[in-house]
Amino acid sequence: MKTSIARLALAGVAVAAMAACAPRPTPEGAVDNGAAQPTGPAYPTAPTGPVEGGNVGAALPGSEQDFVVNVGDRVYFDLDSYQVKPEAYARLNAQAQWLQRYPNVRVRIEGNADERGTREYNLALGARRAESVRAYLVERGVAAGRIDTISYGKERPIAEGSNEEAWARNRNAHTAIVSGAQ
């Protein structure tokens, strides 16, 4: 009896947590004045290049430049989240395909966070972001032994500033080629 109640309570907590994280619909008759803050940069973003289009750049196939320009090397996360966003799936799928095409390439997933929060919190969050991307690539067939992870927390921002735009760009996981590229 106690286990049934405990399971029911646990399920209720899980449902409540998911509901709290769900986007809120605009009430009927309300006008969206555009005041909502963006949760991250639009995909694809410069300088990471397009997701589709093959070898549109003048990069040597299998090179680091090919990866950055024609696939994209960075995905973004929501505030305090390490869940891979649906907008990132196309880029990560393209990364997995590219890595399968070039089996000698090894990568390092670098997890990053914005400047808010403590150093320790951001290092842990960056590590979870890097691991989320690693797990996604492994699920898509990339050998786990070819992927290392590291967290830089808030120590390596790519956008300067203390505003939502800069913070959104700094909440990311960067796939860096370590070895094996042309």
N, C-alpha and C. Protein backbone atom coordinates (compact mmCIF):
# COMPACT_ATOMS: atom_id res chain seq x y z
N MET A 1 0.82 -1.18 0.00
CA MET A 1 0.00 0.00 0.00
C MET A 1 0.87 1.25 0.00
N LYS A 2 1.93 1.27 0.85
CA LYS A 2 2.80 2.44 0.93
C LYS A 2 3.52 2.67 -0.40
N THR A 3 3.94 1.58 -1.07
CA THR A 3 4.62 1.75 -2.35
C THR A 3 3.69 2.31 -3.41
N SER A 4 2.44 1.92 -3.39
CA SER A 4 1.47 2.46 -4.36
C SER A 4 1.28 3.95 -4.15
N ILE A 5 1.18 4.36 -2.91
CA ILE A 5 1.01 5.78 -2.61
C ILE A 5 2.27 6.54 -3.00
N ALA A 6 3.42 5.97 -2.71
CA ALA A 6 4.69 6.62 -3.06
C ALA A 6 4.81 6.76 -4.58
N ARG A 7 4.45 5.72 -5.31
CA ARG A 7 4.51 5.78 -6.78
C ARG A 7 3.55 6.84 -7.31
N LEU A 8 2.35 6.89 -6.75
CA LEU A 8 1.36 7.87 -7.17
C LEU A 8 1.85 9.28 -6.88
N ALA A 9 2.44 9.47 -5.72
CA ALA A 9 2.98 10.79 -5.37
C ALA A 9 4.13 11.17 -6.29
N LEU A 10 5.00 10.23 -6.61
CA LEU A 10 6.13 10.49 -7.51
C LEU A 10 5.64 10.85 -8.90
N ALA A 11 4.62 10.14 -9.37
CA ALA A 11 4.05 10.45 -10.68
C ALA A 11 3.44 11.85 -10.67
N GLY A 12 2.77 12.20 -9.58
CA GLY A 12 2.18 13.54 -9.47
C GLY A 12 3.24 14.62 -9.49
N VAL A 13 4.35 14.41 -8.80
CA VAL A 13 5.45 15.38 -8.79
C VAL A 13 6.02 15.52 -10.19
N ALA A 14 6.20 14.41 -10.90
CA ALA A 14 6.75 14.46 -12.26
C ALA A 14 5.82 15.22 -13.19
N VAL A 15 4.53 14.97 -13.10
CA VAL A 15 3.55 15.68 -13.95
C VAL A 15 3.55 17.16 -13.62
N ALA A 16 3.60 17.51 -12.35
CA ALA A 16 3.62 18.92 -11.96
C ALA A 16 4.88 19.61 -12.46
N ALA A 17 6.02 18.93 -12.39
CA ALA A 17 7.27 19.51 -12.88
C ALA A 17 7.22 19.75 -14.38
N MET A 18 6.68 18.78 -15.12
CA MET A 18 6.56 18.95 -16.57
C MET A 18 5.60 20.08 -16.91
N ALA A 19 4.51 20.17 -16.18
CA ALA A 19 3.54 21.23 -16.44
C ALA A 19 4.13 22.60 -16.14
N ALA A 20 4.95 22.69 -15.12
CA ALA A 20 5.57 23.97 -14.78
C ALA A 20 6.54 24.43 -15.86
N CYS A 21 7.14 23.49 -16.59
CA CYS A 21 8.11 23.82 -17.62
C CYS A 21 7.47 24.02 -18.99
N ALA A 22 6.21 23.66 -19.14
CA ALA A 22 5.55 23.76 -20.44
C ALA A 22 5.30 25.22 -20.80
N PRO A 23 5.41 25.55 -22.10
CA PRO A 23 5.12 26.93 -22.51
C PRO A 23 3.65 27.26 -22.26
N ARG A 24 3.40 28.46 -21.87
CA ARG A 24 2.05 28.90 -21.58
C ARG A 24 1.41 29.45 -22.85
N PRO A 25 0.22 28.98 -23.22
CA PRO A 25 -0.45 29.55 -24.39
C PRO A 25 -0.96 30.95 -24.09
N THR A 26 -1.05 31.77 -25.13
CA THR A 26 -1.60 33.10 -24.97
C THR A 26 -3.11 32.96 -24.75
N PRO A 27 -3.64 33.58 -23.70
CA PRO A 27 -5.07 33.47 -23.44
C PRO A 27 -5.88 34.00 -24.62
N GLU A 28 -7.07 33.41 -24.82
CA GLU A 28 -7.94 33.81 -25.91
C GLU A 28 -8.28 35.29 -25.79
N GLY A 29 -8.15 35.99 -26.90
CA GLY A 29 -8.47 37.41 -26.91
C GLY A 29 -7.30 38.30 -26.51
N ALA A 30 -6.24 37.72 -25.96
CA ALA A 30 -5.08 38.51 -25.57
C ALA A 30 -4.24 38.81 -26.81
N VAL A 31 -3.57 39.92 -26.77
CA VAL A 31 -2.72 40.33 -27.89
C VAL A 31 -1.28 40.08 -27.50
N ASP A 32 -0.55 39.40 -28.37
CA ASP A 32 0.87 39.17 -28.13
C ASP A 32 1.61 40.41 -28.58
N ASN A 33 2.16 41.15 -27.63
CA ASN A 33 2.85 42.39 -27.96
C ASN A 33 4.33 42.19 -28.24
N GLY A 34 4.75 40.94 -28.31
CA GLY A 34 6.15 40.64 -28.63
C GLY A 34 7.08 40.88 -27.46
N ALA A 35 6.57 41.02 -26.26
CA ALA A 35 7.42 41.31 -25.11
C ALA A 35 8.15 40.08 -24.60
N ALA A 36 7.80 38.91 -25.09
CA ALA A 36 8.46 37.69 -24.61
C ALA A 36 9.93 37.71 -24.99
N GLN A 37 10.78 37.28 -24.08
CA GLN A 37 12.21 37.23 -24.33
C GLN A 37 12.56 35.98 -25.12
N PRO A 38 13.49 36.07 -26.07
CA PRO A 38 13.90 34.88 -26.81
C PRO A 38 14.63 33.92 -25.89
N THR A 39 14.51 32.63 -26.18
CA THR A 39 15.18 31.63 -25.36
C THR A 39 16.51 31.22 -25.96
N GLY A 40 16.84 31.69 -27.12
CA GLY A 40 18.13 31.35 -27.72
C GLY A 40 18.19 31.84 -29.14
N PRO A 41 19.37 31.80 -29.71
CA PRO A 41 19.55 32.25 -31.08
C PRO A 41 18.77 31.38 -32.05
N ALA A 42 18.36 31.96 -33.16
CA ALA A 42 17.69 31.20 -34.20
C ALA A 42 18.68 30.27 -34.87
N TYR A 43 18.21 29.19 -35.44
CA TYR A 43 19.06 28.25 -36.15
C TYR A 43 18.91 28.47 -37.63
N PRO A 44 19.90 28.29 -38.45
CA PRO A 44 21.31 28.25 -38.08
C PRO A 44 21.82 29.65 -37.79
N THR A 45 22.92 29.72 -37.09
CA THR A 45 23.49 31.01 -36.74
C THR A 45 24.91 31.11 -37.24
N ALA A 46 25.30 32.28 -37.61
CA ALA A 46 26.69 32.52 -37.97
C ALA A 46 27.47 32.53 -36.67
N PRO A 47 28.66 32.07 -36.60
CA PRO A 47 29.49 31.60 -37.69
C PRO A 47 29.44 30.10 -37.88
N THR A 48 28.45 29.42 -37.36
CA THR A 48 28.45 27.97 -37.43
C THR A 48 27.95 27.42 -38.74
N GLY A 49 27.44 28.24 -39.63
CA GLY A 49 27.10 27.79 -40.97
C GLY A 49 25.74 27.11 -41.06
N PRO A 50 25.38 26.76 -42.29
CA PRO A 50 24.08 26.16 -42.54
C PRO A 50 24.00 24.72 -42.08
N VAL A 51 22.80 24.26 -41.82
CA VAL A 51 22.58 22.87 -41.47
C VAL A 51 22.46 22.03 -42.73
N GLU A 52 21.78 22.57 -43.74
CA GLU A 52 21.58 21.84 -44.98
C GLU A 52 22.38 22.50 -46.10
N GLY A 53 22.52 21.80 -47.21
CA GLY A 53 23.14 22.40 -48.36
C GLY A 53 24.45 21.77 -48.76
N GLY A 54 24.90 20.76 -48.01
CA GLY A 54 26.13 20.08 -48.41
C GLY A 54 27.34 20.99 -48.38
N ASN A 55 28.26 20.76 -49.29
CA ASN A 55 29.51 21.50 -49.33
C ASN A 55 29.34 22.82 -50.04
N VAL A 56 28.65 23.75 -49.41
CA VAL A 56 28.43 25.05 -50.02
C VAL A 56 29.63 25.96 -49.84
N GLY A 57 30.45 25.70 -48.85
CA GLY A 57 31.65 26.50 -48.65
C GLY A 57 32.79 25.96 -49.49
N ALA A 58 33.88 26.70 -49.53
CA ALA A 58 35.05 26.29 -50.29
C ALA A 58 35.99 25.48 -49.41
N ALA A 59 35.45 24.70 -48.51
CA ALA A 59 36.25 23.94 -47.56
C ALA A 59 36.59 22.57 -48.11
N LEU A 60 37.76 22.08 -47.75
CA LEU A 60 38.19 20.74 -48.11
C LEU A 60 37.29 19.73 -47.39
N PRO A 61 36.65 18.81 -48.12
CA PRO A 61 35.78 17.82 -47.46
C PRO A 61 36.55 17.06 -46.37
N GLY A 62 35.94 16.94 -45.21
CA GLY A 62 36.56 16.25 -44.09
C GLY A 62 37.44 17.14 -43.23
N SER A 63 37.52 18.42 -43.58
CA SER A 63 38.35 19.34 -42.79
C SER A 63 37.53 19.97 -41.67
N GLU A 64 38.24 20.59 -40.74
CA GLU A 64 37.56 21.29 -39.65
C GLU A 64 36.69 22.42 -40.22
N GLN A 65 37.20 23.10 -41.24
CA GLN A 65 36.43 24.18 -41.87
C GLN A 65 35.15 23.62 -42.51
N ASP A 66 35.24 22.46 -43.14
CA ASP A 66 34.06 21.81 -43.73
C ASP A 66 33.02 21.57 -42.65
N PHE A 67 33.46 21.08 -41.50
CA PHE A 67 32.55 20.79 -40.40
C PHE A 67 31.87 22.07 -39.91
N VAL A 68 32.66 23.11 -39.67
CA VAL A 68 32.12 24.36 -39.13
C VAL A 68 31.19 25.05 -40.12
N VAL A 69 31.62 25.15 -41.38
CA VAL A 69 30.87 25.90 -42.38
C VAL A 69 29.66 25.13 -42.90
N ASN A 70 29.81 23.85 -43.17
CA ASN A 70 28.75 23.10 -43.85
C ASN A 70 27.87 22.27 -42.93
N VAL A 71 28.27 22.07 -41.69
CA VAL A 71 27.47 21.29 -40.75
C VAL A 71 27.01 22.17 -39.59
N GLY A 72 27.94 22.87 -38.97
CA GLY A 72 27.64 23.68 -37.80
C GLY A 72 28.20 23.02 -36.56
N ASP A 73 28.84 23.80 -35.73
CA ASP A 73 29.56 23.24 -34.59
C ASP A 73 29.01 23.62 -33.23
N ARG A 74 27.85 24.27 -33.19
CA ARG A 74 27.35 24.75 -31.90
C ARG A 74 25.84 24.63 -31.83
N VAL A 75 25.34 24.19 -30.68
CA VAL A 75 23.90 24.16 -30.40
C VAL A 75 23.65 24.94 -29.11
N TYR A 76 22.43 25.43 -28.96
CA TYR A 76 22.09 26.31 -27.86
C TYR A 76 21.06 25.69 -26.94
N PHE A 77 21.05 26.18 -25.70
CA PHE A 77 20.17 25.65 -24.66
C PHE A 77 19.36 26.76 -24.03
N ASP A 78 18.24 26.37 -23.43
CA ASP A 78 17.43 27.31 -22.66
C ASP A 78 18.10 27.57 -21.32
N LEU A 79 17.64 28.60 -20.65
CA LEU A 79 18.14 28.98 -19.33
C LEU A 79 17.99 27.81 -18.36
N ASP A 80 19.05 27.51 -17.63
CA ASP A 80 19.07 26.46 -16.61
C ASP A 80 18.66 25.10 -17.15
N SER A 81 18.92 24.83 -18.41
CA SER A 81 18.52 23.57 -19.03
C SER A 81 19.70 22.91 -19.72
N TYR A 82 19.68 21.60 -19.73
CA TYR A 82 20.65 20.84 -20.49
C TYR A 82 19.95 19.89 -21.46
N GLN A 83 18.66 20.11 -21.65
CA GLN A 83 17.88 19.30 -22.60
C GLN A 83 18.12 19.83 -24.01
N VAL A 84 18.45 18.92 -24.93
CA VAL A 84 18.66 19.31 -26.32
C VAL A 84 17.33 19.81 -26.88
N LYS A 85 17.37 21.01 -27.46
CA LYS A 85 16.15 21.62 -28.01
C LYS A 85 15.83 21.02 -29.38
N PRO A 86 14.55 20.94 -29.72
CA PRO A 86 14.17 20.43 -31.04
C PRO A 86 14.83 21.19 -32.20
N GLU A 87 15.09 22.49 -32.03
CA GLU A 87 15.75 23.26 -33.08
C GLU A 87 17.17 22.76 -33.33
N ALA A 88 17.75 22.08 -32.37
CA ALA A 88 19.13 21.59 -32.50
C ALA A 88 19.22 20.22 -33.17
N TYR A 89 18.10 19.51 -33.30
CA TYR A 89 18.14 18.16 -33.85
C TYR A 89 18.76 18.11 -35.24
N ALA A 90 18.37 19.02 -36.13
CA ALA A 90 18.90 18.99 -37.49
C ALA A 90 20.42 19.16 -37.49
N ARG A 91 20.90 20.08 -36.68
CA ARG A 91 22.35 20.32 -36.62
C ARG A 91 23.06 19.09 -36.04
N LEU A 92 22.54 18.52 -34.97
CA LEU A 92 23.19 17.36 -34.36
C LEU A 92 23.09 16.13 -35.27
N ASN A 93 21.99 15.99 -35.98
CA ASN A 93 21.89 14.89 -36.95
C ASN A 93 22.94 15.06 -38.05
N ALA A 94 23.13 16.29 -38.51
CA ALA A 94 24.15 16.57 -39.53
C ALA A 94 25.55 16.29 -38.97
N GLN A 95 25.78 16.64 -37.70
CA GLN A 95 27.08 16.33 -37.08
C GLN A 95 27.30 14.82 -37.04
N ALA A 96 26.29 14.08 -36.64
CA ALA A 96 26.42 12.62 -36.57
C ALA A 96 26.72 12.04 -37.95
N GLN A 97 26.02 12.50 -38.97
CA GLN A 97 26.28 12.00 -40.32
C GLN A 97 27.69 12.34 -40.78
N TRP A 98 28.14 13.55 -40.51
CA TRP A 98 29.49 13.96 -40.89
C TRP A 98 30.53 13.10 -40.17
N LEU A 99 30.32 12.89 -38.88
CA LEU A 99 31.27 12.08 -38.11
C LEU A 99 31.27 10.63 -38.57
N GLN A 100 30.15 10.11 -39.02
CA GLN A 100 30.12 8.75 -39.56
C GLN A 100 30.84 8.69 -40.90
N ARG A 101 30.76 9.75 -41.68
CA ARG A 101 31.43 9.82 -42.97
C ARG A 101 32.96 9.89 -42.79
N TYR A 102 33.41 10.47 -41.68
CA TYR A 102 34.85 10.63 -41.40
C TYR A 102 35.17 9.93 -40.07
N PRO A 103 35.33 8.60 -40.10
CA PRO A 103 35.45 7.82 -38.86
C PRO A 103 36.75 8.03 -38.09
N ASN A 104 37.73 8.70 -38.66
CA ASN A 104 38.99 8.95 -37.94
C ASN A 104 38.96 10.23 -37.11
N VAL A 105 37.90 11.00 -37.25
CA VAL A 105 37.80 12.28 -36.54
C VAL A 105 37.34 12.03 -35.11
N ARG A 106 38.05 12.69 -34.19
CA ARG A 106 37.67 12.70 -32.78
C ARG A 106 37.23 14.11 -32.42
N VAL A 107 36.22 14.21 -31.56
CA VAL A 107 35.71 15.53 -31.17
C VAL A 107 35.65 15.67 -29.65
N ARG A 108 35.56 16.92 -29.25
CA ARG A 108 35.37 17.26 -27.83
C ARG A 108 34.14 18.17 -27.77
N ILE A 109 33.16 17.79 -26.97
CA ILE A 109 31.98 18.61 -26.77
C ILE A 109 32.26 19.51 -25.57
N GLU A 110 32.20 20.82 -25.81
CA GLU A 110 32.52 21.82 -24.79
C GLU A 110 31.23 22.47 -24.31
N GLY A 111 30.86 22.20 -23.07
CA GLY A 111 29.64 22.77 -22.50
C GLY A 111 29.89 24.13 -21.92
N ASN A 112 28.99 25.07 -22.20
CA ASN A 112 29.14 26.45 -21.76
C ASN A 112 27.86 26.95 -21.12
N ALA A 113 28.00 28.01 -20.32
CA ALA A 113 26.86 28.61 -19.64
C ALA A 113 27.00 30.13 -19.71
N ASP A 114 25.92 30.84 -19.40
CA ASP A 114 26.02 32.29 -19.36
C ASP A 114 26.62 32.71 -18.02
N GLU A 115 26.81 34.00 -17.86
CA GLU A 115 27.54 34.53 -16.70
C GLU A 115 26.78 34.47 -15.39
N ARG A 116 25.47 34.23 -15.45
CA ARG A 116 24.68 34.22 -14.22
C ARG A 116 24.91 32.91 -13.47
N GLY A 117 24.81 32.94 -12.19
CA GLY A 117 25.01 31.74 -11.37
C GLY A 117 26.46 31.64 -10.90
N THR A 118 26.67 30.74 -9.97
CA THR A 118 28.02 30.57 -9.42
C THR A 118 28.90 29.80 -10.39
N ARG A 119 30.18 29.89 -10.18
CA ARG A 119 31.14 29.16 -11.01
C ARG A 119 30.86 27.66 -10.96
N GLU A 120 30.63 27.14 -9.77
CA GLU A 120 30.39 25.71 -9.59
C GLU A 120 29.11 25.27 -10.30
N TYR A 121 28.04 26.05 -10.15
CA TYR A 121 26.78 25.72 -10.80
C TYR A 121 26.96 25.69 -12.31
N ASN A 122 27.63 26.69 -12.87
CA ASN A 122 27.80 26.78 -14.31
C ASN A 122 28.72 25.69 -14.85
N LEU A 123 29.72 25.30 -14.08
CA LEU A 123 30.57 24.18 -14.51
C LEU A 123 29.76 22.89 -14.57
N ALA A 124 28.91 22.66 -13.57
CA ALA A 124 28.07 21.46 -13.57
C ALA A 124 27.05 21.51 -14.71
N LEU A 125 26.45 22.66 -14.95
CA LEU A 125 25.48 22.80 -16.03
C LEU A 125 26.15 22.60 -17.39
N GLY A 126 27.33 23.17 -17.58
CA GLY A 126 28.07 22.98 -18.82
C GLY A 126 28.41 21.52 -19.05
N ALA A 127 28.76 20.81 -17.99
CA ALA A 127 29.07 19.38 -18.11
C ALA A 127 27.83 18.59 -18.53
N ARG A 128 26.68 18.93 -17.97
CA ARG A 128 25.44 18.24 -18.36
C ARG A 128 25.06 18.55 -19.80
N ARG A 129 25.29 19.78 -20.23
CA ARG A 129 25.01 20.15 -21.63
C ARG A 129 25.90 19.36 -22.58
N ALA A 130 27.18 19.31 -22.26
CA ALA A 130 28.11 18.56 -23.11
C ALA A 130 27.73 17.09 -23.15
N GLU A 131 27.36 16.53 -22.03
CA GLU A 131 26.97 15.12 -21.98
C GLU A 131 25.68 14.86 -22.74
N SER A 132 24.75 15.81 -22.72
CA SER A 132 23.51 15.66 -23.49
C SER A 132 23.80 15.58 -24.98
N VAL A 133 24.68 16.43 -25.46
CA VAL A 133 25.05 16.41 -26.88
C VAL A 133 25.79 15.12 -27.20
N ARG A 134 26.70 14.71 -26.32
CA ARG A 134 27.44 13.46 -26.53
C ARG A 134 26.47 12.28 -26.63
N ALA A 135 25.54 12.21 -25.71
CA ALA A 135 24.57 11.11 -25.70
C ALA A 135 23.74 11.12 -26.99
N TYR A 136 23.35 12.29 -27.46
CA TYR A 136 22.57 12.39 -28.69
C TYR A 136 23.38 11.85 -29.87
N LEU A 137 24.64 12.24 -29.97
CA LEU A 137 25.49 11.77 -31.07
C LEU A 137 25.73 10.26 -30.99
N VAL A 138 25.92 9.75 -29.79
CA VAL A 138 26.13 8.30 -29.62
C VAL A 138 24.86 7.55 -30.02
N GLU A 139 23.70 8.07 -29.64
CA GLU A 139 22.43 7.44 -30.04
C GLU A 139 22.27 7.42 -31.56
N ARG A 140 22.92 8.34 -32.25
CA ARG A 140 22.84 8.41 -33.71
C ARG A 140 23.96 7.62 -34.38
N GLY A 141 24.70 6.83 -33.62
CA GLY A 141 25.67 5.92 -34.22
C GLY A 141 27.12 6.32 -34.16
N VAL A 142 27.45 7.44 -33.54
CA VAL A 142 28.85 7.84 -33.41
C VAL A 142 29.44 7.07 -32.23
N ALA A 143 30.59 6.47 -32.44
CA ALA A 143 31.23 5.68 -31.37
C ALA A 143 31.56 6.57 -30.17
N ALA A 144 31.17 6.13 -29.00
CA ALA A 144 31.37 6.90 -27.77
C ALA A 144 32.83 7.21 -27.52
N GLY A 145 33.73 6.32 -27.93
CA GLY A 145 35.16 6.52 -27.72
C GLY A 145 35.75 7.66 -28.53
N ARG A 146 35.01 8.17 -29.49
CA ARG A 146 35.49 9.27 -30.34
C ARG A 146 35.09 10.62 -29.80
N ILE A 147 34.32 10.64 -28.70
CA ILE A 147 33.77 11.89 -28.18
C ILE A 147 34.18 12.09 -26.73
N ASP A 148 34.89 13.18 -26.47
CA ASP A 148 35.20 13.59 -25.11
C ASP A 148 34.32 14.77 -24.75
N THR A 149 34.16 15.02 -23.47
CA THR A 149 33.39 16.19 -23.03
C THR A 149 34.20 16.99 -22.02
N ILE A 150 33.91 18.28 -21.98
CA ILE A 150 34.51 19.17 -20.99
C ILE A 150 33.53 20.29 -20.73
N SER A 151 33.59 20.85 -19.55
CA SER A 151 32.75 22.00 -19.23
C SER A 151 33.64 23.21 -18.99
N TYR A 152 33.28 24.30 -19.64
CA TYR A 152 33.96 25.57 -19.38
C TYR A 152 33.08 26.49 -18.55
N GLY A 153 31.87 26.05 -18.24
CA GLY A 153 30.97 26.88 -17.44
C GLY A 153 30.80 28.24 -18.07
N LYS A 154 31.03 29.28 -17.28
CA LYS A 154 30.89 30.65 -17.80
C LYS A 154 32.24 31.26 -18.16
N GLU A 155 33.28 30.45 -18.20
CA GLU A 155 34.64 30.96 -18.38
C GLU A 155 35.00 31.34 -19.82
N ARG A 156 34.26 30.85 -20.83
CA ARG A 156 34.59 31.13 -22.22
C ARG A 156 33.38 31.65 -23.00
N PRO A 157 32.93 32.85 -22.68
CA PRO A 157 31.76 33.37 -23.39
C PRO A 157 32.09 33.65 -24.86
N ILE A 158 31.09 33.46 -25.74
CA ILE A 158 31.28 33.81 -27.15
C ILE A 158 30.64 35.15 -27.47
N ALA A 159 29.81 35.65 -26.56
CA ALA A 159 29.16 36.95 -26.74
C ALA A 159 29.38 37.78 -25.49
N GLU A 160 29.86 38.98 -25.68
CA GLU A 160 30.07 39.90 -24.55
C GLU A 160 28.75 40.60 -24.24
N GLY A 161 28.56 40.92 -22.98
CA GLY A 161 27.38 41.66 -22.58
C GLY A 161 26.63 40.96 -21.48
N SER A 162 25.79 41.74 -20.83
CA SER A 162 24.95 41.23 -19.75
C SER A 162 23.50 41.48 -20.10
N ASN A 163 23.07 40.87 -21.20
CA ASN A 163 21.69 41.00 -21.65
C ASN A 163 21.24 39.65 -22.19
N GLU A 164 19.94 39.52 -22.45
CA GLU A 164 19.39 38.23 -22.86
C GLU A 164 20.02 37.71 -24.14
N GLU A 165 20.31 38.59 -25.09
CA GLU A 165 20.92 38.14 -26.35
C GLU A 165 22.29 37.50 -26.11
N ALA A 166 23.13 38.14 -25.33
CA ALA A 166 24.45 37.59 -25.02
C ALA A 166 24.32 36.31 -24.20
N TRP A 167 23.45 36.30 -23.21
CA TRP A 167 23.27 35.12 -22.38
C TRP A 167 22.81 33.94 -23.22
N ALA A 168 21.87 34.18 -24.15
CA ALA A 168 21.35 33.09 -25.00
C ALA A 168 22.46 32.50 -25.86
N ARG A 169 23.33 33.32 -26.38
CA ARG A 169 24.43 32.81 -27.21
C ARG A 169 25.47 32.04 -26.38
N ASN A 170 25.62 32.43 -25.12
CA ASN A 170 26.62 31.78 -24.27
C ASN A 170 26.13 30.47 -23.65
N ARG A 171 24.85 30.18 -23.75
CA ARG A 171 24.30 28.90 -23.27
C ARG A 171 24.39 27.91 -24.42
N ASN A 172 25.52 27.23 -24.55
CA ASN A 172 25.72 26.39 -25.72
C ASN A 172 26.61 25.20 -25.45
N ALA A 173 26.63 24.31 -26.43
CA ALA A 173 27.60 23.23 -26.46
C ALA A 173 28.30 23.31 -27.82
N HIS A 174 29.60 23.37 -27.78
CA HIS A 174 30.42 23.52 -28.98
C HIS A 174 31.10 22.18 -29.28
N THR A 175 30.97 21.72 -30.52
CA THR A 175 31.63 20.49 -30.95
C THR A 175 32.93 20.90 -31.62
N ALA A 176 34.04 20.61 -30.97
CA ALA A 176 35.36 20.96 -31.48
C ALA A 176 36.07 19.72 -32.00
N ILE A 177 36.63 19.82 -33.18
CA ILE A 177 37.40 18.69 -33.74
C ILE A 177 38.76 18.67 -33.06
N VAL A 178 39.11 17.51 -32.52
CA VAL A 178 40.37 17.35 -31.80
C VAL A 178 41.45 16.76 -32.69
N SER A 179 41.08 15.77 -33.48
CA SER A 179 42.06 15.13 -34.38
C SER A 179 41.35 14.39 -35.49
N GLY A 180 42.14 14.03 -36.53
CA GLY A 180 41.64 13.20 -37.59
C GLY A 180 41.03 13.92 -38.77
N ALA A 181 40.90 15.25 -38.70
CA ALA A 181 40.33 15.98 -39.83
C ALA A 181 41.40 16.18 -40.90
N GLN A 182 40.94 16.44 -42.12
CA GLN A 182 41.85 16.66 -43.25
C GLN A 182 42.65 17.92 -43.07
